[in-house]
Amino acid sequence: RNADQARQATLNEGTERHKMYIEKLEMILRLLENDEIEAAQVDEIKDDLEYFVQENQDDEFQENEYLFDDFAEKMDRAERTHGEHTLRDRKAEKEEKEREERAEAERQEALAAPKRKEQA
């Protein structure tokens, strides 16, 4: 039972590490698409990325904890900007929904007004 729990913990750690790499690589892709970094900068970490992909399950695997350091500042800025855009988008969506609801309420009121006059 302890062996199963240890194996599960190891798998969970690996899954979390893979998710982190995927998130960082997605950010690097956004930075490339936005011309905030050069492809040559990404080429510099290519060997370390290939090593991670090929060897991360190996008992002798040594992770490069500094792999993304050269991108950290721009990633942090991109992440903050993305978060700000997300908040602005949600606020704009909420405001648009409120406008639509007010317009619908006014339309319903306009439709109901002639009926009330007839009943009076």
N, C-alpha and C. Protein backbone atom coordinates (compact mmCIF):
# COMPACT_ATOMS: atom_id res chain seq x y z
N ARG A 1 0.83 -1.20 0.00
CA ARG A 1 0.00 0.00 0.00
C ARG A 1 0.87 1.26 0.00
N ASN A 2 1.91 1.30 0.82
CA ASN A 2 2.82 2.45 0.83
C ASN A 2 3.52 2.61 -0.51
N ALA A 3 3.84 1.49 -1.14
CA ALA A 3 4.49 1.54 -2.45
C ALA A 3 3.56 2.18 -3.48
N ASP A 4 2.25 1.84 -3.39
CA ASP A 4 1.27 2.42 -4.30
C ASP A 4 1.15 3.93 -4.07
N GLN A 5 1.14 4.32 -2.80
CA GLN A 5 1.04 5.75 -2.48
C GLN A 5 2.28 6.51 -2.95
N ALA A 6 3.45 5.89 -2.77
CA ALA A 6 4.69 6.52 -3.22
C ALA A 6 4.68 6.65 -4.74
N ARG A 7 4.23 5.62 -5.43
CA ARG A 7 4.16 5.65 -6.90
C ARG A 7 3.18 6.72 -7.35
N GLN A 8 2.04 6.82 -6.68
CA GLN A 8 1.05 7.84 -7.02
C GLN A 8 1.61 9.24 -6.80
N ALA A 9 2.32 9.44 -5.71
CA ALA A 9 2.93 10.74 -5.43
C ALA A 9 3.95 11.11 -6.50
N THR A 10 4.74 10.12 -6.92
CA THR A 10 5.73 10.35 -7.98
C THR A 10 5.04 10.73 -9.29
N LEU A 11 3.97 10.02 -9.61
CA LEU A 11 3.23 10.32 -10.83
C LEU A 11 2.61 11.72 -10.77
N ASN A 12 2.06 12.08 -9.60
CA ASN A 12 1.47 13.41 -9.45
C ASN A 12 2.51 14.51 -9.62
N GLU A 13 3.69 14.30 -9.04
CA GLU A 13 4.78 15.27 -9.19
C GLU A 13 5.17 15.42 -10.66
N GLY A 14 5.28 14.31 -11.35
CA GLY A 14 5.62 14.35 -12.77
C GLY A 14 4.58 15.06 -13.59
N THR A 15 3.31 14.80 -13.28
CA THR A 15 2.21 15.45 -13.98
C THR A 15 2.26 16.97 -13.76
N GLU A 16 2.48 17.37 -12.53
CA GLU A 16 2.56 18.81 -12.23
C GLU A 16 3.75 19.45 -12.94
N ARG A 17 4.87 18.77 -12.98
CA ARG A 17 6.05 19.30 -13.67
C ARG A 17 5.76 19.44 -15.16
N HIS A 18 5.09 18.44 -15.76
CA HIS A 18 4.74 18.52 -17.18
C HIS A 18 3.79 19.69 -17.44
N LYS A 19 2.82 19.88 -16.57
CA LYS A 19 1.90 21.01 -16.73
C LYS A 19 2.64 22.34 -16.69
N MET A 20 3.60 22.44 -15.76
CA MET A 20 4.38 23.66 -15.64
C MET A 20 5.18 23.92 -16.92
N TYR A 21 5.80 22.88 -17.45
CA TYR A 21 6.55 23.03 -18.70
C TYR A 21 5.62 23.46 -19.83
N ILE A 22 4.46 22.84 -19.92
CA ILE A 22 3.50 23.19 -20.98
C ILE A 22 3.09 24.65 -20.86
N GLU A 23 2.77 25.10 -19.64
CA GLU A 23 2.38 26.50 -19.44
C GLU A 23 3.49 27.45 -19.85
N LYS A 24 4.72 27.14 -19.45
CA LYS A 24 5.86 28.00 -19.79
C LYS A 24 6.09 28.01 -21.30
N LEU A 25 5.99 26.86 -21.94
CA LEU A 25 6.17 26.81 -23.39
C LEU A 25 5.06 27.54 -24.13
N GLU A 26 3.84 27.50 -23.62
CA GLU A 26 2.75 28.26 -24.22
C GLU A 26 3.02 29.76 -24.10
N MET A 27 3.56 30.18 -22.94
CA MET A 27 3.91 31.59 -22.77
C MET A 27 5.02 31.99 -23.74
N ILE A 28 6.01 31.12 -23.90
CA ILE A 28 7.09 31.40 -24.84
C ILE A 28 6.53 31.53 -26.26
N LEU A 29 5.60 30.67 -26.61
CA LEU A 29 4.97 30.76 -27.93
C LEU A 29 4.26 32.10 -28.10
N ARG A 30 3.52 32.54 -27.08
CA ARG A 30 2.87 33.86 -27.15
C ARG A 30 3.89 34.97 -27.31
N LEU A 31 5.01 34.87 -26.57
CA LEU A 31 6.05 35.89 -26.68
C LEU A 31 6.63 35.90 -28.10
N LEU A 32 6.83 34.73 -28.68
CA LEU A 32 7.33 34.65 -30.06
C LEU A 32 6.32 35.27 -31.04
N GLU A 33 5.05 34.90 -30.87
CA GLU A 33 4.01 35.42 -31.76
C GLU A 33 3.88 36.93 -31.67
N ASN A 34 4.15 37.48 -30.49
CA ASN A 34 4.06 38.92 -30.28
C ASN A 34 5.38 39.64 -30.52
N ASP A 35 6.35 38.91 -31.07
CA ASP A 35 7.68 39.47 -31.37
C ASP A 35 8.36 40.07 -30.15
N GLU A 36 8.12 39.50 -28.99
CA GLU A 36 8.77 39.97 -27.77
C GLU A 36 10.08 39.23 -27.49
N ILE A 37 10.24 38.08 -28.14
CA ILE A 37 11.50 37.34 -28.08
C ILE A 37 11.82 36.84 -29.48
N GLU A 38 13.08 36.49 -29.67
CA GLU A 38 13.53 35.99 -30.97
C GLU A 38 13.57 34.46 -30.94
N ALA A 39 13.40 33.86 -32.11
CA ALA A 39 13.47 32.41 -32.22
C ALA A 39 14.83 31.89 -31.76
N ALA A 40 15.87 32.67 -31.98
CA ALA A 40 17.22 32.26 -31.57
C ALA A 40 17.29 32.06 -30.05
N GLN A 41 16.54 32.84 -29.31
CA GLN A 41 16.52 32.67 -27.85
C GLN A 41 15.92 31.33 -27.47
N VAL A 42 14.90 30.91 -28.19
CA VAL A 42 14.27 29.62 -27.92
C VAL A 42 15.21 28.49 -28.34
N ASP A 43 15.91 28.70 -29.44
CA ASP A 43 16.89 27.69 -29.88
C ASP A 43 17.92 27.40 -28.80
N GLU A 44 18.23 28.41 -27.98
CA GLU A 44 19.23 28.23 -26.93
C GLU A 44 18.81 27.21 -25.88
N ILE A 45 17.51 27.01 -25.70
CA ILE A 45 17.05 26.05 -24.69
C ILE A 45 16.58 24.74 -25.31
N LYS A 46 16.68 24.63 -26.62
CA LYS A 46 16.19 23.46 -27.34
C LYS A 46 16.77 22.16 -26.80
N ASP A 47 18.09 22.10 -26.61
CA ASP A 47 18.71 20.87 -26.13
C ASP A 47 18.20 20.47 -24.76
N ASP A 48 18.05 21.45 -23.87
CA ASP A 48 17.53 21.16 -22.53
C ASP A 48 16.08 20.68 -22.59
N LEU A 49 15.30 21.24 -23.49
CA LEU A 49 13.91 20.79 -23.65
C LEU A 49 13.85 19.36 -24.18
N GLU A 50 14.68 19.07 -25.15
CA GLU A 50 14.72 17.71 -25.69
C GLU A 50 15.16 16.72 -24.62
N TYR A 51 16.13 17.11 -23.82
CA TYR A 51 16.59 16.26 -22.72
C TYR A 51 15.44 16.01 -21.75
N PHE A 52 14.69 17.05 -21.42
CA PHE A 52 13.56 16.88 -20.52
C PHE A 52 12.55 15.90 -21.10
N VAL A 53 12.18 16.10 -22.35
CA VAL A 53 11.17 15.24 -22.99
C VAL A 53 11.63 13.78 -23.03
N GLN A 54 12.88 13.57 -23.37
CA GLN A 54 13.37 12.21 -23.55
C GLN A 54 13.74 11.51 -22.24
N GLU A 55 14.21 12.24 -21.26
CA GLU A 55 14.81 11.60 -20.09
C GLU A 55 14.10 11.85 -18.76
N ASN A 56 13.01 12.60 -18.74
CA ASN A 56 12.43 13.01 -17.45
C ASN A 56 11.94 11.86 -16.59
N GLN A 57 11.74 10.69 -17.16
CA GLN A 57 11.30 9.52 -16.38
C GLN A 57 12.48 8.72 -15.82
N ASP A 58 13.66 9.03 -16.30
CA ASP A 58 14.87 8.31 -15.90
C ASP A 58 15.24 8.66 -14.46
N ASP A 59 15.67 7.67 -13.69
CA ASP A 59 16.08 7.89 -12.30
C ASP A 59 17.27 8.85 -12.20
N GLU A 60 18.09 8.90 -13.23
CA GLU A 60 19.28 9.76 -13.24
C GLU A 60 19.01 11.16 -13.78
N PHE A 61 17.76 11.44 -14.14
CA PHE A 61 17.40 12.73 -14.73
C PHE A 61 17.73 13.87 -13.79
N GLN A 62 18.39 14.90 -14.34
CA GLN A 62 18.72 16.11 -13.59
C GLN A 62 18.04 17.29 -14.28
N GLU A 63 17.00 17.81 -13.65
CA GLU A 63 16.26 18.92 -14.24
C GLU A 63 17.07 20.20 -14.18
N ASN A 64 17.01 20.97 -15.26
CA ASN A 64 17.65 22.29 -15.31
C ASN A 64 16.67 23.29 -14.72
N GLU A 65 16.87 23.63 -13.46
CA GLU A 65 15.93 24.53 -12.79
C GLU A 65 16.04 25.97 -13.28
N TYR A 66 17.05 26.26 -14.09
CA TYR A 66 17.25 27.62 -14.61
C TYR A 66 16.81 27.74 -16.07
N LEU A 67 16.19 26.70 -16.59
CA LEU A 67 15.86 26.61 -18.01
C LEU A 67 15.11 27.84 -18.54
N PHE A 68 14.14 28.31 -17.79
CA PHE A 68 13.29 29.40 -18.28
C PHE A 68 13.68 30.76 -17.72
N ASP A 69 14.79 30.84 -17.00
CA ASP A 69 15.18 32.09 -16.35
C ASP A 69 15.35 33.25 -17.33
N ASP A 70 15.90 32.98 -18.51
CA ASP A 70 16.11 34.06 -19.49
C ASP A 70 14.79 34.66 -19.98
N PHE A 71 13.70 33.95 -19.79
CA PHE A 71 12.39 34.41 -20.25
C PHE A 71 11.51 34.90 -19.09
N ALA A 72 11.99 34.75 -17.88
CA ALA A 72 11.15 34.97 -16.70
C ALA A 72 10.53 36.36 -16.66
N GLU A 73 11.32 37.38 -16.89
CA GLU A 73 10.79 38.75 -16.80
C GLU A 73 9.68 38.99 -17.82
N LYS A 74 9.93 38.59 -19.06
CA LYS A 74 8.93 38.78 -20.10
C LYS A 74 7.71 37.90 -19.88
N MET A 75 7.93 36.70 -19.36
CA MET A 75 6.80 35.81 -19.04
C MET A 75 5.94 36.42 -17.94
N ASP A 76 6.59 36.95 -16.91
CA ASP A 76 5.85 37.57 -15.82
C ASP A 76 5.02 38.75 -16.33
N ARG A 77 5.64 39.57 -17.16
CA ARG A 77 4.93 40.73 -17.72
C ARG A 77 3.77 40.27 -18.60
N ALA A 78 4.01 39.25 -19.43
CA ALA A 78 2.94 38.73 -20.29
C ALA A 78 1.81 38.14 -19.47
N GLU A 79 2.16 37.45 -18.40
CA GLU A 79 1.15 36.84 -17.54
C GLU A 79 0.30 37.92 -16.86
N ARG A 80 0.95 38.98 -16.37
CA ARG A 80 0.20 40.08 -15.74
C ARG A 80 -0.70 40.76 -16.75
N THR A 81 -0.17 41.01 -17.95
CA THR A 81 -0.95 41.65 -19.00
C THR A 81 -2.13 40.78 -19.40
N HIS A 82 -1.88 39.48 -19.55
CA HIS A 82 -2.96 38.55 -19.91
C HIS A 82 -4.03 38.57 -18.83
N GLY A 83 -3.61 38.56 -17.56
CA GLY A 83 -4.57 38.61 -16.45
C GLY A 83 -5.37 39.90 -16.45
N GLU A 84 -4.71 41.02 -16.75
CA GLU A 84 -5.42 42.30 -16.82
C GLU A 84 -6.42 42.30 -17.95
N HIS A 85 -6.02 41.74 -19.11
CA HIS A 85 -6.95 41.67 -20.23
C HIS A 85 -8.15 40.81 -19.86
N THR A 86 -7.90 39.72 -19.17
CA THR A 86 -8.99 38.83 -18.78
C THR A 86 -9.97 39.55 -17.87
N LEU A 87 -9.45 40.30 -16.89
CA LEU A 87 -10.32 41.05 -16.00
C LEU A 87 -11.12 42.11 -16.76
N ARG A 88 -10.44 42.83 -17.67
CA ARG A 88 -11.13 43.84 -18.47
C ARG A 88 -12.19 43.20 -19.34
N ASP A 89 -11.88 42.04 -19.93
CA ASP A 89 -12.85 41.35 -20.78
C ASP A 89 -14.08 40.94 -19.98
N ARG A 90 -13.86 40.41 -18.78
CA ARG A 90 -15.00 40.00 -17.95
C ARG A 90 -15.85 41.21 -17.56
N LYS A 91 -15.20 42.32 -17.22
CA LYS A 91 -15.94 43.53 -16.84
C LYS A 91 -16.74 44.04 -18.04
N ALA A 92 -16.14 44.06 -19.22
CA ALA A 92 -16.84 44.50 -20.42
C ALA A 92 -18.02 43.58 -20.74
N GLU A 93 -17.83 42.28 -20.58
CA GLU A 93 -18.92 41.34 -20.83
C GLU A 93 -20.07 41.57 -19.85
N LYS A 94 -19.73 41.82 -18.58
CA LYS A 94 -20.77 42.07 -17.58
C LYS A 94 -21.53 43.35 -17.91
N GLU A 95 -20.80 44.40 -18.29
CA GLU A 95 -21.46 45.66 -18.64
C GLU A 95 -22.36 45.49 -19.86
N GLU A 96 -21.89 44.74 -20.87
CA GLU A 96 -22.68 44.49 -22.07
C GLU A 96 -23.96 43.72 -21.72
N LYS A 97 -23.83 42.72 -20.86
CA LYS A 97 -25.01 41.94 -20.45
C LYS A 97 -26.02 42.83 -19.72
N GLU A 98 -25.52 43.70 -18.84
CA GLU A 98 -26.41 44.62 -18.12
C GLU A 98 -27.12 45.55 -19.09
N ARG A 99 -26.41 46.07 -20.11
CA ARG A 99 -27.04 46.94 -21.12
C ARG A 99 -28.13 46.18 -21.87
N GLU A 100 -27.82 44.94 -22.25
CA GLU A 100 -28.80 44.12 -22.96
C GLU A 100 -30.04 43.87 -22.10
N GLU A 101 -29.82 43.59 -20.81
CA GLU A 101 -30.95 43.35 -19.90
C GLU A 101 -31.80 44.60 -19.75
N ARG A 102 -31.15 45.78 -19.62
CA ARG A 102 -31.91 47.04 -19.51
C ARG A 102 -32.71 47.30 -20.79
N ALA A 103 -32.08 47.07 -21.94
CA ALA A 103 -32.77 47.28 -23.22
C ALA A 103 -33.96 46.34 -23.34
N GLU A 104 -33.80 45.09 -22.92
CA GLU A 104 -34.91 44.13 -22.98
C GLU A 104 -36.03 44.56 -22.04
N ALA A 105 -35.68 45.02 -20.85
CA ALA A 105 -36.69 45.48 -19.89
C ALA A 105 -37.44 46.69 -20.46
N GLU A 106 -36.73 47.61 -21.09
CA GLU A 106 -37.38 48.78 -21.71
C GLU A 106 -38.29 48.35 -22.85
N ARG A 107 -37.85 47.37 -23.64
CA ARG A 107 -38.66 46.87 -24.74
C ARG A 107 -39.94 46.22 -24.21
N GLN A 108 -39.81 45.42 -23.16
CA GLN A 108 -40.98 44.78 -22.56
C GLN A 108 -41.94 45.83 -22.00
N GLU A 109 -41.38 46.86 -21.39
CA GLU A 109 -42.21 47.95 -20.84
C GLU A 109 -42.94 48.67 -21.96
N ALA A 110 -42.23 48.92 -23.06
CA ALA A 110 -42.86 49.60 -24.20
C ALA A 110 -43.98 48.75 -24.79
N LEU A 111 -43.81 47.46 -24.83
CA LEU A 111 -44.86 46.57 -25.34
C LEU A 111 -46.05 46.49 -24.38
N ALA A 112 -45.78 46.57 -23.10
CA ALA A 112 -46.85 46.45 -22.10
C ALA A 112 -47.64 47.74 -21.95
N ALA A 113 -47.07 48.88 -22.24
CA ALA A 113 -47.73 50.18 -22.04
C ALA A 113 -49.04 50.29 -22.82
N PRO A 114 -49.10 49.96 -24.11
CA PRO A 114 -50.38 50.07 -24.83
C PRO A 114 -51.46 49.15 -24.25
N LYS A 115 -51.08 48.00 -23.78
CA LYS A 115 -52.05 47.06 -23.18
C LYS A 115 -52.64 47.64 -21.91
N ARG A 116 -51.82 48.30 -21.12
CA ARG A 116 -52.32 48.92 -19.88
C ARG A 116 -53.28 50.05 -20.20
N LYS A 117 -53.03 50.82 -21.27
CA LYS A 117 -53.91 51.91 -21.66
C LYS A 117 -55.27 51.35 -22.08
N GLU A 118 -55.26 50.23 -22.82
CA GLU A 118 -56.50 49.61 -23.25
C GLU A 118 -57.33 49.12 -22.08
N GLN A 119 -56.65 48.62 -21.05
CA GLN A 119 -57.35 48.08 -19.89
C GLN A 119 -57.87 49.19 -19.00
N ALA A 120 -57.34 50.38 -19.11
CA ALA A 120 -57.76 51.48 -18.23
C ALA A 120 -58.98 52.17 -18.69
